């Protein structure tokens, strides 16, 4: 298949304008490496900071040209994580959910590209201010953490801002994109490519329990919800305005509207949540996928996903 030449593929030296999201706990080295091997660009999920795990994942990536993504407010608590990761020479570092400024100089000094994920226009202005190489407009449809903007309107608004104030920055669309139609639509909205989480969460290389994979195959886009409940159960103090999109299951329904009570029972509920997650219990823990679940019918290899989406997008855009 021919290389898709645009600003993103030229900047990252890849064949297809497809980037896999750095999903905490799910996006390890095998997934990132497989996406890059297929001509996209893979990101390891830095999550909340586990140096030994990150070291292992860079080894698992088998020398593929990949990047890494961090939850910025968590990285601020352990900045040495960035220093350690940069020793592996990632091609790019993605920052999301916090002020990127404290880390920009170190990333640039290491020769890595800076990616900033944004959930509203204030975040886009921050990314413009630090001269981000790649800016992601993430819509609320996305799985995992995000905010309130919808992809359809946020992406072209961000594209217009960049065209006027930072034409050198490349734009990615994220949120609800899982096939070639989504990639083609993102291009029409002004993005240079896409960042996809849920579609790659549903891949063989993702570090996801088999039961959770079965759940996404059976789900449609109506079966997710934005909530703070999984973060309360994991004792994670996420910034206000950022919620998690997860499967709307028994666990969420049990505590919805009873968040204060959940906080009062954490000594017991934290243990229950962790045990259920480890066991692959899809009803009593967080199951982390987005509205694109309704577009996913099977669990494929990440490489096949990249090629299928690229081929379909090419046909649609013709």
C-alpha atoms as a PDB file:
ATOM      1  CA  UNK A   1       0.000   0.000   0.000  1.00  0.00           C
ATOM      2  CA  UNK A   2       1.287   3.473  -0.895  1.00  0.00           C
ATOM      3  CA  UNK A   3       2.448   5.909   1.743  1.00  0.00           C
ATOM      4  CA  UNK A   4      -0.139   8.561   2.591  1.00  0.00           C
ATOM      5  CA  UNK A   5       1.819  11.779   2.242  1.00  0.00           C
ATOM      6  CA  UNK A   6       0.684  14.601   4.480  1.00  0.00           C
ATOM      7  CA  UNK A   7       2.129  16.758   7.242  1.00  0.00           C
ATOM      8  CA  UNK A   8       1.735  14.096   9.942  1.00  0.00           C
ATOM      9  CA  UNK A   9       3.310  11.255   7.984  1.00  0.00           C
ATOM     10  CA  UNK A  10       6.197  13.507   6.965  1.00  0.00           C
ATOM     11  CA  UNK A  11       6.764  14.767  10.530  1.00  0.00           C
ATOM     12  CA  UNK A  12       6.699  11.312  12.134  1.00  0.00           C
ATOM     13  CA  UNK A  13       8.180   9.524   9.098  1.00  0.00           C
ATOM     14  CA  UNK A  14       5.307   7.037   8.987  1.00  0.00           C
ATOM     15  CA  UNK A  15       3.141   5.604   6.196  1.00  0.00           C
ATOM     16  CA  UNK A  16      -0.359   6.093   7.581  1.00  0.00           C
ATOM     17  CA  UNK A  17      -1.758   9.048   9.597  1.00  0.00           C
ATOM     18  CA  UNK A  18      -2.780   6.804  12.474  1.00  0.00           C
ATOM     19  CA  UNK A  19      -1.478   7.094  16.049  1.00  0.00           C
ATOM     20  CA  UNK A  20      -2.396   4.738  18.891  1.00  0.00           C
ATOM     21  CA  UNK A  21      -3.280   6.400  22.185  1.00  0.00           C
ATOM     22  CA  UNK A  22      -1.047   5.912  25.261  1.00  0.00           C
ATOM     23  CA  UNK A  23      -3.780   4.190  27.276  1.00  0.00           C
ATOM     24  CA  UNK A  24      -2.760   3.624  30.898  1.00  0.00           C
ATOM     25  CA  UNK A  25      -2.348  -0.090  31.717  1.00  0.00           C
ATOM     26  CA  UNK A  26      -3.374  -1.182  28.188  1.00  0.00           C
ATOM     27  CA  UNK A  27      -0.888   0.419  25.780  1.00  0.00           C
ATOM     28  CA  UNK A  28       2.351  -1.436  26.372  1.00  0.00           C
ATOM     29  CA  UNK A  29       5.378  -1.967  24.183  1.00  0.00           C
ATOM     30  CA  UNK A  30       3.831  -4.810  22.168  1.00  0.00           C
ATOM     31  CA  UNK A  31       0.922  -2.610  21.072  1.00  0.00           C
ATOM     32  CA  UNK A  32       3.013   0.491  20.373  1.00  0.00           C
ATOM     33  CA  UNK A  33       5.575  -1.549  18.462  1.00  0.00           C
ATOM     34  CA  UNK A  34       2.947  -3.343  16.364  1.00  0.00           C
ATOM     35  CA  UNK A  35       1.288  -0.062  15.342  1.00  0.00           C
ATOM     36  CA  UNK A  36       4.615   1.459  14.316  1.00  0.00           C
ATOM     37  CA  UNK A  37       5.638  -1.714  12.487  1.00  0.00           C
ATOM     38  CA  UNK A  38       2.469  -1.491  10.411  1.00  0.00           C
ATOM     39  CA  UNK A  39       3.206   2.070   9.346  1.00  0.00           C
ATOM     40  CA  UNK A  40       1.370   4.029  12.032  1.00  0.00           C
ATOM     41  CA  UNK A  41       2.870   5.466  15.194  1.00  0.00           C
ATOM     42  CA  UNK A  42       2.524   3.754  18.565  1.00  0.00           C
ATOM     43  CA  UNK A  43       2.621   5.338  22.011  1.00  0.00           C
ATOM     44  CA  UNK A  44       3.329   3.521  25.267  1.00  0.00           C
ATOM     45  CA  UNK A  45       1.058   4.631  28.119  1.00  0.00           C
ATOM     46  CA  UNK A  46       3.044   6.170  30.962  1.00  0.00           C
ATOM     47  CA  UNK A  47      -0.031   6.041  33.182  1.00  0.00           C
ATOM     48  CA  UNK A  48       0.442   7.083  36.792  1.00  0.00           C
ATOM     49  CA  UNK A  49       4.118   6.252  36.850  1.00  0.00           C
ATOM     50  CA  UNK A  50       5.706   2.809  37.230  1.00  0.00           C
ATOM     51  CA  UNK A  51       9.421   2.978  36.297  1.00  0.00           C
ATOM     52  CA  UNK A  52       9.951  -0.798  36.188  1.00  0.00           C
ATOM     53  CA  UNK A  53       6.865  -1.327  33.999  1.00  0.00           C
ATOM     54  CA  UNK A  54       7.912   1.431  31.578  1.00  0.00           C
ATOM     55  CA  UNK A  55      11.409  -0.041  31.317  1.00  0.00           C
ATOM     56  CA  UNK A  56       9.927  -3.432  30.494  1.00  0.00           C
ATOM     57  CA  UNK A  57       7.605  -1.996  27.838  1.00  0.00           C
ATOM     58  CA  UNK A  58      10.394  -0.235  25.949  1.00  0.00           C
ATOM     59  CA  UNK A  59      12.206  -3.577  25.804  1.00  0.00           C
ATOM     60  CA  UNK A  60       9.009  -5.289  24.601  1.00  0.00           C
ATOM     61  CA  UNK A  61       8.706  -2.745  21.762  1.00  0.00           C
ATOM     62  CA  UNK A  62      11.774  -4.446  20.221  1.00  0.00           C
ATOM     63  CA  UNK A  63      13.467  -1.289  19.021  1.00  0.00           C
ATOM     64  CA  UNK A  64      10.531   0.012  16.973  1.00  0.00           C
ATOM     65  CA  UNK A  65      10.312   3.786  16.555  1.00  0.00           C
ATOM     66  CA  UNK A  66       7.668   4.698  19.117  1.00  0.00           C
ATOM     67  CA  UNK A  67       6.688   7.377  21.610  1.00  0.00           C
ATOM     68  CA  UNK A  68       5.327   7.598  25.140  1.00  0.00           C
ATOM     69  CA  UNK A  69       2.451   9.488  26.721  1.00  0.00           C
ATOM     70  CA  UNK A  70       2.024  10.844  30.235  1.00  0.00           C
ATOM     71  CA  UNK A  71      -0.831  12.056  32.422  1.00  0.00           C
ATOM     72  CA  UNK A  72       0.719  15.446  33.071  1.00  0.00           C
ATOM     73  CA  UNK A  73      -0.604  16.079  36.578  1.00  0.00           C
ATOM     74  CA  UNK A  74       0.667  12.643  37.661  1.00  0.00           C
ATOM     75  CA  UNK A  75       4.051  13.191  35.986  1.00  0.00           C
ATOM     76  CA  UNK A  76       4.417  16.418  37.968  1.00  0.00           C
ATOM     77  CA  UNK A  77       4.535  14.271  41.134  1.00  0.00           C
ATOM     78  CA  UNK A  78       7.336  12.072  39.732  1.00  0.00           C
ATOM     79  CA  UNK A  79       9.244  14.120  37.127  1.00  0.00           C
ATOM     80  CA  UNK A  80      12.157  11.660  37.164  1.00  0.00           C
ATOM     81  CA  UNK A  81       9.931   9.307  35.141  1.00  0.00           C
ATOM     82  CA  UNK A  82      10.342  11.573  32.140  1.00  0.00           C
ATOM     83  CA  UNK A  83      14.111  11.717  32.585  1.00  0.00           C
ATOM     84  CA  UNK A  84      14.307   7.920  32.723  1.00  0.00           C
ATOM     85  CA  UNK A  85      12.049   7.413  29.686  1.00  0.00           C
ATOM     86  CA  UNK A  86      13.962   9.918  27.562  1.00  0.00           C
ATOM     87  CA  UNK A  87      17.040   7.686  27.874  1.00  0.00           C
ATOM     88  CA  UNK A  88      15.213   5.298  25.523  1.00  0.00           C
ATOM     89  CA  UNK A  89      15.105   8.033  22.854  1.00  0.00           C
ATOM     90  CA  UNK A  90      11.349   8.021  22.139  1.00  0.00           C
ATOM     91  CA  UNK A  91      10.519   9.807  18.898  1.00  0.00           C
ATOM     92  CA  UNK A  92       7.747  11.772  20.622  1.00  0.00           C
ATOM     93  CA  UNK A  93       6.345  12.486  24.076  1.00  0.00           C
ATOM     94  CA  UNK A  94       2.642  13.163  24.567  1.00  0.00           C
ATOM     95  CA  UNK A  95       1.363  15.245  27.489  1.00  0.00           C
ATOM     96  CA  UNK A  96      -2.286  15.425  28.461  1.00  0.00           C
ATOM     97  CA  UNK A  97      -4.493  16.589  31.334  1.00  0.00           C
ATOM     98  CA  UNK A  98      -2.306  19.327  32.761  1.00  0.00           C
ATOM     99  CA  UNK A  99       0.097  22.184  32.085  1.00  0.00           C
ATOM    100  CA  UNK A 100       2.835  20.978  29.699  1.00  0.00           C
ATOM    101  CA  UNK A 101       5.211  23.870  30.456  1.00  0.00           C
ATOM    102  CA  UNK A 102       7.335  22.220  33.201  1.00  0.00           C
ATOM    103  CA  UNK A 103       8.405  19.429  30.821  1.00  0.00           C
ATOM    104  CA  UNK A 104       8.762  21.084  27.434  1.00  0.00           C
ATOM    105  CA  UNK A 105      12.466  21.993  27.628  1.00  0.00           C
ATOM    106  CA  UNK A 106      13.559  18.532  28.741  1.00  0.00           C
ATOM    107  CA  UNK A 107      11.563  16.882  25.953  1.00  0.00           C
ATOM    108  CA  UNK A 108      12.996  19.193  23.310  1.00  0.00           C
ATOM    109  CA  UNK A 109      16.553  18.855  24.641  1.00  0.00           C
ATOM    110  CA  UNK A 110      16.223  15.088  24.213  1.00  0.00           C
ATOM    111  CA  UNK A 111      15.306  15.556  20.556  1.00  0.00           C
ATOM    112  CA  UNK A 112      11.749  14.249  20.911  1.00  0.00           C
ATOM    113  CA  UNK A 113       8.686  15.772  19.299  1.00  0.00           C
ATOM    114  CA  UNK A 114       6.145  17.315  21.681  1.00  0.00           C
ATOM    115  CA  UNK A 115       2.517  16.172  21.445  1.00  0.00           C
ATOM    116  CA  UNK A 116      -0.141  17.970  23.492  1.00  0.00           C
ATOM    117  CA  UNK A 117      -3.624  16.504  23.859  1.00  0.00           C
ATOM    118  CA  UNK A 118      -6.356  19.109  24.361  1.00  0.00           C
ATOM    119  CA  UNK A 119      -9.923  18.874  25.601  1.00  0.00           C
ATOM    120  CA  UNK A 120     -10.983  22.507  25.083  1.00  0.00           C
ATOM    121  CA  UNK A 121      -9.789  25.690  23.389  1.00  0.00           C
ATOM    122  CA  UNK A 122      -7.898  26.890  26.483  1.00  0.00           C
ATOM    123  CA  UNK A 123      -5.807  23.736  26.248  1.00  0.00           C
ATOM    124  CA  UNK A 124      -5.210  24.408  22.546  1.00  0.00           C
ATOM    125  CA  UNK A 125      -3.922  27.884  23.395  1.00  0.00           C
ATOM    126  CA  UNK A 126      -1.555  26.343  25.971  1.00  0.00           C
ATOM    127  CA  UNK A 127      -0.263  23.927  23.313  1.00  0.00           C
ATOM    128  CA  UNK A 128       0.217  26.799  20.865  1.00  0.00           C
ATOM    129  CA  UNK A 129       2.046  28.773  23.555  1.00  0.00           C
ATOM    130  CA  UNK A 130       4.622  26.008  24.101  1.00  0.00           C
ATOM    131  CA  UNK A 131       5.010  25.399  20.363  1.00  0.00           C
ATOM    132  CA  UNK A 132       3.719  21.813  20.361  1.00  0.00           C
ATOM    133  CA  UNK A 133       4.688  19.896  17.225  1.00  0.00           C
ATOM    134  CA  UNK A 134       1.442  17.917  17.288  1.00  0.00           C
ATOM    135  CA  UNK A 135      -1.832  19.019  18.887  1.00  0.00           C
ATOM    136  CA  UNK A 136      -4.707  16.615  19.523  1.00  0.00           C
ATOM    137  CA  UNK A 137      -8.315  17.774  19.719  1.00  0.00           C
ATOM    138  CA  UNK A 138      -9.963  15.109  21.864  1.00  0.00           C
ATOM    139  CA  UNK A 139     -13.743  14.852  21.846  1.00  0.00           C
ATOM    140  CA  UNK A 140     -15.944  13.619  24.677  1.00  0.00           C
ATOM    141  CA  UNK A 141     -16.749  10.406  22.764  1.00  0.00           C
ATOM    142  CA  UNK A 142     -13.292   9.060  23.648  1.00  0.00           C
ATOM    143  CA  UNK A 143     -12.860   6.232  26.103  1.00  0.00           C
ATOM    144  CA  UNK A 144     -10.957   6.892  29.298  1.00  0.00           C
ATOM    145  CA  UNK A 145     -10.448  10.434  30.511  1.00  0.00           C
ATOM    146  CA  UNK A 146     -11.653  13.518  28.713  1.00  0.00           C
ATOM    147  CA  UNK A 147     -13.980  16.473  28.986  1.00  0.00           C
ATOM    148  CA  UNK A 148     -17.166  17.782  27.400  1.00  0.00           C
ATOM    149  CA  UNK A 149     -16.425  18.941  23.817  1.00  0.00           C
ATOM    150  CA  UNK A 150     -17.692  16.860  20.908  1.00  0.00           C
ATOM    151  CA  UNK A 151     -15.233  15.757  18.229  1.00  0.00           C
ATOM    152  CA  UNK A 152     -17.306  17.015  15.286  1.00  0.00           C
ATOM    153  CA  UNK A 153     -17.180  20.681  16.308  1.00  0.00           C
ATOM    154  CA  UNK A 154     -13.961  20.754  18.338  1.00  0.00           C
ATOM    155  CA  UNK A 155     -11.680  19.460  15.565  1.00  0.00           C
ATOM    156  CA  UNK A 156     -12.500  22.130  12.935  1.00  0.00           C
ATOM    157  CA  UNK A 157     -12.443  24.847  15.605  1.00  0.00           C
ATOM    158  CA  UNK A 158      -8.954  23.712  16.632  1.00  0.00           C
ATOM    159  CA  UNK A 159      -7.956  23.516  12.947  1.00  0.00           C
ATOM    160  CA  UNK A 160      -9.000  27.136  12.422  1.00  0.00           C
ATOM    161  CA  UNK A 161      -7.067  28.262  15.501  1.00  0.00           C
ATOM    162  CA  UNK A 162      -3.919  26.516  14.333  1.00  0.00           C
ATOM    163  CA  UNK A 163      -4.248  27.811  10.779  1.00  0.00           C
ATOM    164  CA  UNK A 164      -4.253  31.363  12.094  1.00  0.00           C
ATOM    165  CA  UNK A 165      -1.906  31.179  15.068  1.00  0.00           C
ATOM    166  CA  UNK A 166       0.305  28.067  14.701  1.00  0.00           C
ATOM    167  CA  UNK A 167       0.302  26.844  11.099  1.00  0.00           C
ATOM    168  CA  UNK A 168       3.443  24.815  11.748  1.00  0.00           C
ATOM    169  CA  UNK A 169       1.632  22.565  14.279  1.00  0.00           C
ATOM    170  CA  UNK A 170       0.052  19.337  13.068  1.00  0.00           C
ATOM    171  CA  UNK A 171      -3.496  18.475  14.218  1.00  0.00           C
ATOM    172  CA  UNK A 172      -4.891  15.077  15.190  1.00  0.00           C
ATOM    173  CA  UNK A 173      -8.526  14.249  15.905  1.00  0.00           C
ATOM    174  CA  UNK A 174      -9.504  11.894  18.731  1.00  0.00           C
ATOM    175  CA  UNK A 175     -12.772  10.614  20.132  1.00  0.00           C
ATOM    176  CA  UNK A 176     -15.200   8.156  18.562  1.00  0.00           C
ATOM    177  CA  UNK A 177     -12.903   7.207  15.655  1.00  0.00           C
ATOM    178  CA  UNK A 178     -12.475   3.510  14.943  1.00  0.00           C
ATOM    179  CA  UNK A 179     -12.523   2.930  11.192  1.00  0.00           C
ATOM    180  CA  UNK A 180     -11.573   4.396   7.827  1.00  0.00           C
ATOM    181  CA  UNK A 181     -14.728   6.506   7.705  1.00  0.00           C
ATOM    182  CA  UNK A 182     -13.624   8.210  10.913  1.00  0.00           C
ATOM    183  CA  UNK A 183     -10.131   8.850   9.566  1.00  0.00           C
ATOM    184  CA  UNK A 184     -11.546  10.278   6.337  1.00  0.00           C
ATOM    185  CA  UNK A 185     -14.012  12.443   8.274  1.00  0.00           C
ATOM    186  CA  UNK A 186     -11.226  13.743  10.505  1.00  0.00           C
ATOM    187  CA  UNK A 187      -9.227  14.739   7.440  1.00  0.00           C
ATOM    188  CA  UNK A 188     -12.259  16.579   6.029  1.00  0.00           C
ATOM    189  CA  UNK A 189     -12.661  18.429   9.353  1.00  0.00           C
ATOM    190  CA  UNK A 190      -9.118  19.776   9.068  1.00  0.00           C
ATOM    191  CA  UNK A 191      -7.069  17.218  10.986  1.00  0.00           C
ATOM    192  CA  UNK A 192      -3.874  15.719   9.564  1.00  0.00           C
ATOM    193  CA  UNK A 193      -4.575  12.342  11.138  1.00  0.00           C
ATOM    194  CA  UNK A 194      -6.143  10.546  14.081  1.00  0.00           C
ATOM    195  CA  UNK A 195      -5.299   9.337  17.560  1.00  0.00           C
ATOM    196  CA  UNK A 196      -7.288   6.200  18.407  1.00  0.00           C
ATOM    197  CA  UNK A 197      -7.640   4.538  21.792  1.00  0.00           C
ATOM    198  CA  UNK A 198     -10.725   2.317  21.900  1.00  0.00           C
ATOM    199  CA  UNK A 199     -10.020   0.629  18.534  1.00  0.00           C
ATOM    200  CA  UNK A 200      -6.507  -0.345  19.689  1.00  0.00           C
ATOM    201  CA  UNK A 201      -7.743  -1.231  23.185  1.00  0.00           C
ATOM    202  CA  UNK A 202      -9.665  -3.904  21.265  1.00  0.00           C
ATOM    203  CA  UNK A 203      -6.501  -5.405  19.754  1.00  0.00           C
ATOM    204  CA  UNK A 204      -4.634  -8.613  20.521  1.00  0.00           C
ATOM    205  CA  UNK A 205      -1.542  -6.747  21.654  1.00  0.00           C
ATOM    206  CA  UNK A 206      -3.356  -4.542  24.179  1.00  0.00           C
ATOM    207  CA  UNK A 207      -2.893  -5.464  27.831  1.00  0.00           C
ATOM    208  CA  UNK A 208      -6.616  -6.047  28.324  1.00  0.00           C
ATOM    209  CA  UNK A 209      -8.373  -9.004  29.970  1.00  0.00           C
ATOM    210  CA  UNK A 210     -10.164 -11.347  27.568  1.00  0.00           C
ATOM    211  CA  UNK A 211     -13.486 -10.751  29.353  1.00  0.00           C
ATOM    212  CA  UNK A 212     -13.174  -7.005  28.780  1.00  0.00           C
ATOM    213  CA  UNK A 213     -12.517  -7.670  25.096  1.00  0.00           C
ATOM    214  CA  UNK A 214     -15.652  -9.814  24.916  1.00  0.00           C
ATOM    215  CA  UNK A 215     -17.586  -6.966  26.551  1.00  0.00           C
ATOM    216  CA  UNK A 216     -16.594  -4.430  23.892  1.00  0.00           C
ATOM    217  CA  UNK A 217     -17.561  -6.769  21.059  1.00  0.00           C
ATOM    218  CA  UNK A 218     -21.030  -7.121  22.567  1.00  0.00           C
ATOM    219  CA  UNK A 219     -21.449  -3.417  23.386  1.00  0.00           C
ATOM    220  CA  UNK A 220     -22.816  -0.545  21.346  1.00  0.00           C
ATOM    221  CA  UNK A 221     -22.029   3.143  21.695  1.00  0.00           C
ATOM    222  CA  UNK A 222     -24.945   3.726  24.065  1.00  0.00           C
ATOM    223  CA  UNK A 223     -23.403   1.489  26.715  1.00  0.00           C
ATOM    224  CA  UNK A 224     -20.769   3.930  27.973  1.00  0.00           C
ATOM    225  CA  UNK A 225     -20.971   6.829  30.397  1.00  0.00           C
ATOM    226  CA  UNK A 226     -18.775   9.690  31.599  1.00  0.00           C
ATOM    227  CA  UNK A 227     -18.327   9.468  35.363  1.00  0.00           C
ATOM    228  CA  UNK A 228     -15.931  10.044  38.267  1.00  0.00           C
ATOM    229  CA  UNK A 229     -16.804   6.779  40.015  1.00  0.00           C
ATOM    230  CA  UNK A 230     -13.828   4.634  38.827  1.00  0.00           C
ATOM    231  CA  UNK A 231     -11.405   7.369  39.909  1.00  0.00           C
ATOM    232  CA  UNK A 232     -12.962   7.582  43.356  1.00  0.00           C
ATOM    233  CA  UNK A 233     -12.691   3.796  43.701  1.00  0.00           C
ATOM    234  CA  UNK A 234      -9.003   3.946  42.714  1.00  0.00           C
ATOM    235  CA  UNK A 235      -8.328   6.947  44.989  1.00  0.00           C
ATOM    236  CA  UNK A 236      -7.138   9.064  42.075  1.00  0.00           C
ATOM    237  CA  UNK A 237      -7.668  12.805  42.445  1.00  0.00           C
ATOM    238  CA  UNK A 238      -8.324  13.841  38.853  1.00  0.00           C
ATOM    239  CA  UNK A 239      -8.653  17.580  38.115  1.00  0.00           C
ATOM    240  CA  UNK A 240     -12.172  18.999  38.055  1.00  0.00           C
ATOM    241  CA  UNK A 241     -13.888  18.834  34.663  1.00  0.00           C
ATOM    242  CA  UNK A 242     -12.103  15.646  33.579  1.00  0.00           C
ATOM    243  CA  UNK A 243     -14.183  12.492  33.830  1.00  0.00           C
ATOM    244  CA  UNK A 244     -13.751   8.901  32.688  1.00  0.00           C
ATOM    245  CA  UNK A 245     -15.768   7.240  29.930  1.00  0.00           C
ATOM    246  CA  UNK A 246     -16.283   3.581  30.822  1.00  0.00           C
ATOM    247  CA  UNK A 247     -18.804   0.799  30.264  1.00  0.00           C
ATOM    248  CA  UNK A 248     -22.079   1.553  32.049  1.00  0.00           C
ATOM    249  CA  UNK A 249     -22.131  -1.559  34.239  1.00  0.00           C
ATOM    250  CA  UNK A 250     -23.360  -2.758  37.633  1.00  0.00           C
ATOM    251  CA  UNK A 251     -20.474  -1.055  39.451  1.00  0.00           C
ATOM    252  CA  UNK A 252     -21.254   2.358  37.926  1.00  0.00           C
ATOM    253  CA  UNK A 253     -25.012   2.021  38.454  1.00  0.00           C
ATOM    254  CA  UNK A 254     -24.487   0.984  42.075  1.00  0.00           C
ATOM    255  CA  UNK A 255     -22.647   4.208  42.956  1.00  0.00           C
ATOM    256  CA  UNK A 256     -24.091   6.710  40.505  1.00  0.00           C
ATOM    257  CA  UNK A 257     -25.478   9.603  42.561  1.00  0.00           C
ATOM    258  CA  UNK A 258     -23.897   8.092  45.695  1.00  0.00           C
ATOM    259  CA  UNK A 259     -20.339   9.333  45.180  1.00  0.00           C
ATOM    260  CA  UNK A 260     -20.119  10.697  48.748  1.00  0.00           C
ATOM    261  CA  UNK A 261     -21.094   7.327  50.144  1.00  0.00           C
ATOM    262  CA  UNK A 262     -18.486   5.637  47.944  1.00  0.00           C
ATOM    263  CA  UNK A 263     -15.802   7.917  49.392  1.00  0.00           C
ATOM    264  CA  UNK A 264     -16.920   6.931  52.894  1.00  0.00           C
ATOM    265  CA  UNK A 265     -16.532   3.228  52.082  1.00  0.00           C
ATOM    266  CA  UNK A 266     -13.188   3.324  50.310  1.00  0.00           C
ATOM    267  CA  UNK A 267     -11.341   1.006  52.685  1.00  0.00           C
ATOM    268  CA  UNK A 268     -13.558  -1.810  51.424  1.00  0.00           C
ATOM    269  CA  UNK A 269     -14.384  -0.656  47.891  1.00  0.00           C
ATOM    270  CA  UNK A 270     -10.776  -0.034  46.760  1.00  0.00           C
ATOM    271  CA  UNK A 271      -9.968  -3.691  47.395  1.00  0.00           C
ATOM    272  CA  UNK A 272     -13.169  -4.892  45.681  1.00  0.00           C
ATOM    273  CA  UNK A 273     -12.457  -2.772  42.592  1.00  0.00           C
ATOM    274  CA  UNK A 274      -8.857  -3.997  42.255  1.00  0.00           C
ATOM    275  CA  UNK A 275      -9.825  -7.652  42.694  1.00  0.00           C
ATOM    276  CA  UNK A 276     -12.604  -7.383  40.137  1.00  0.00           C
ATOM    277  CA  UNK A 277     -10.286  -5.681  37.643  1.00  0.00           C
ATOM    278  CA  UNK A 278      -7.600  -8.356  38.023  1.00  0.00           C
ATOM    279  CA  UNK A 279     -10.209 -11.108  37.630  1.00  0.00           C
ATOM    280  CA  UNK A 280     -11.674  -9.618  34.457  1.00  0.00           C
ATOM    281  CA  UNK A 281     -15.039  -9.070  36.133  1.00  0.00           C
ATOM    282  CA  UNK A 282     -16.852  -6.805  33.667  1.00  0.00           C
ATOM    283  CA  UNK A 283     -19.634  -5.828  36.076  1.00  0.00           C
ATOM    284  CA  UNK A 284     -17.784  -4.776  39.226  1.00  0.00           C
ATOM    285  CA  UNK A 285     -14.866  -2.670  38.021  1.00  0.00           C
ATOM    286  CA  UNK A 286     -14.040  -0.059  35.380  1.00  0.00           C
ATOM    287  CA  UNK A 287     -14.166  -1.314  31.771  1.00  0.00           C
ATOM    288  CA  UNK A 288     -12.373   1.382  29.797  1.00  0.00           C
ATOM    289  CA  UNK A 289     -13.729   1.920  26.305  1.00  0.00           C
ATOM    290  CA  UNK A 290     -15.492   4.737  24.460  1.00  0.00           C
ATOM    291  CA  UNK A 291     -18.455   5.281  22.163  1.00  0.00           C
ATOM    292  CA  UNK A 292     -16.564   3.698  19.258  1.00  0.00           C
ATOM    293  CA  UNK A 293     -17.416   0.344  20.863  1.00  0.00           C
ATOM    294  CA  UNK A 294     -20.416   0.191  18.555  1.00  0.00           C
ATOM    295  CA  UNK A 295     -18.075   0.085  15.548  1.00  0.00           C
ATOM    296  CA  UNK A 296     -15.971  -2.825  16.808  1.00  0.00           C
ATOM    297  CA  UNK A 297     -16.967  -6.408  16.011  1.00  0.00           C
ATOM    298  CA  UNK A 298     -13.778  -8.354  16.634  1.00  0.00           C
ATOM    299  CA  UNK A 299     -10.385  -8.369  18.309  1.00  0.00           C
ATOM    300  CA  UNK A 300      -7.694  -8.117  15.631  1.00  0.00           C
ATOM    301  CA  UNK A 301      -3.958  -7.606  15.589  1.00  0.00           C
ATOM    302  CA  UNK A 302      -2.932  -3.954  15.814  1.00  0.00           C
ATOM    303  CA  UNK A 303      -1.097  -4.197  12.494  1.00  0.00           C
ATOM    304  CA  UNK A 304      -4.195  -5.452  10.715  1.00  0.00           C
ATOM    305  CA  UNK A 305      -6.229  -2.651  12.285  1.00  0.00           C
ATOM    306  CA  UNK A 306      -3.821  -0.029  10.940  1.00  0.00           C
ATOM    307  CA  UNK A 307      -3.862  -1.462   7.434  1.00  0.00           C
ATOM    308  CA  UNK A 308      -7.634  -1.960   7.331  1.00  0.00           C
ATOM    309  CA  UNK A 309      -8.364   1.612   8.472  1.00  0.00           C
ATOM    310  CA  UNK A 310      -5.817   3.116   6.086  1.00  0.00           C
ATOM    311  CA  UNK A 311      -7.245   1.136   3.134  1.00  0.00           C
ATOM    312  CA  UNK A 312     -10.837   2.012   3.955  1.00  0.00           C
ATOM    313  CA  UNK A 313     -10.034   5.711   4.416  1.00  0.00           C
ATOM    314  CA  UNK A 314      -8.273   5.786   1.060  1.00  0.00           C
ATOM    315  CA  UNK A 315     -11.344   4.301  -0.654  1.00  0.00           C
ATOM    316  CA  UNK A 316     -13.732   6.686   1.108  1.00  0.00           C
ATOM    317  CA  UNK A 317     -11.658   9.751   0.228  1.00  0.00           C
ATOM    318  CA  UNK A 318     -11.484   8.746  -3.434  1.00  0.00           C
END
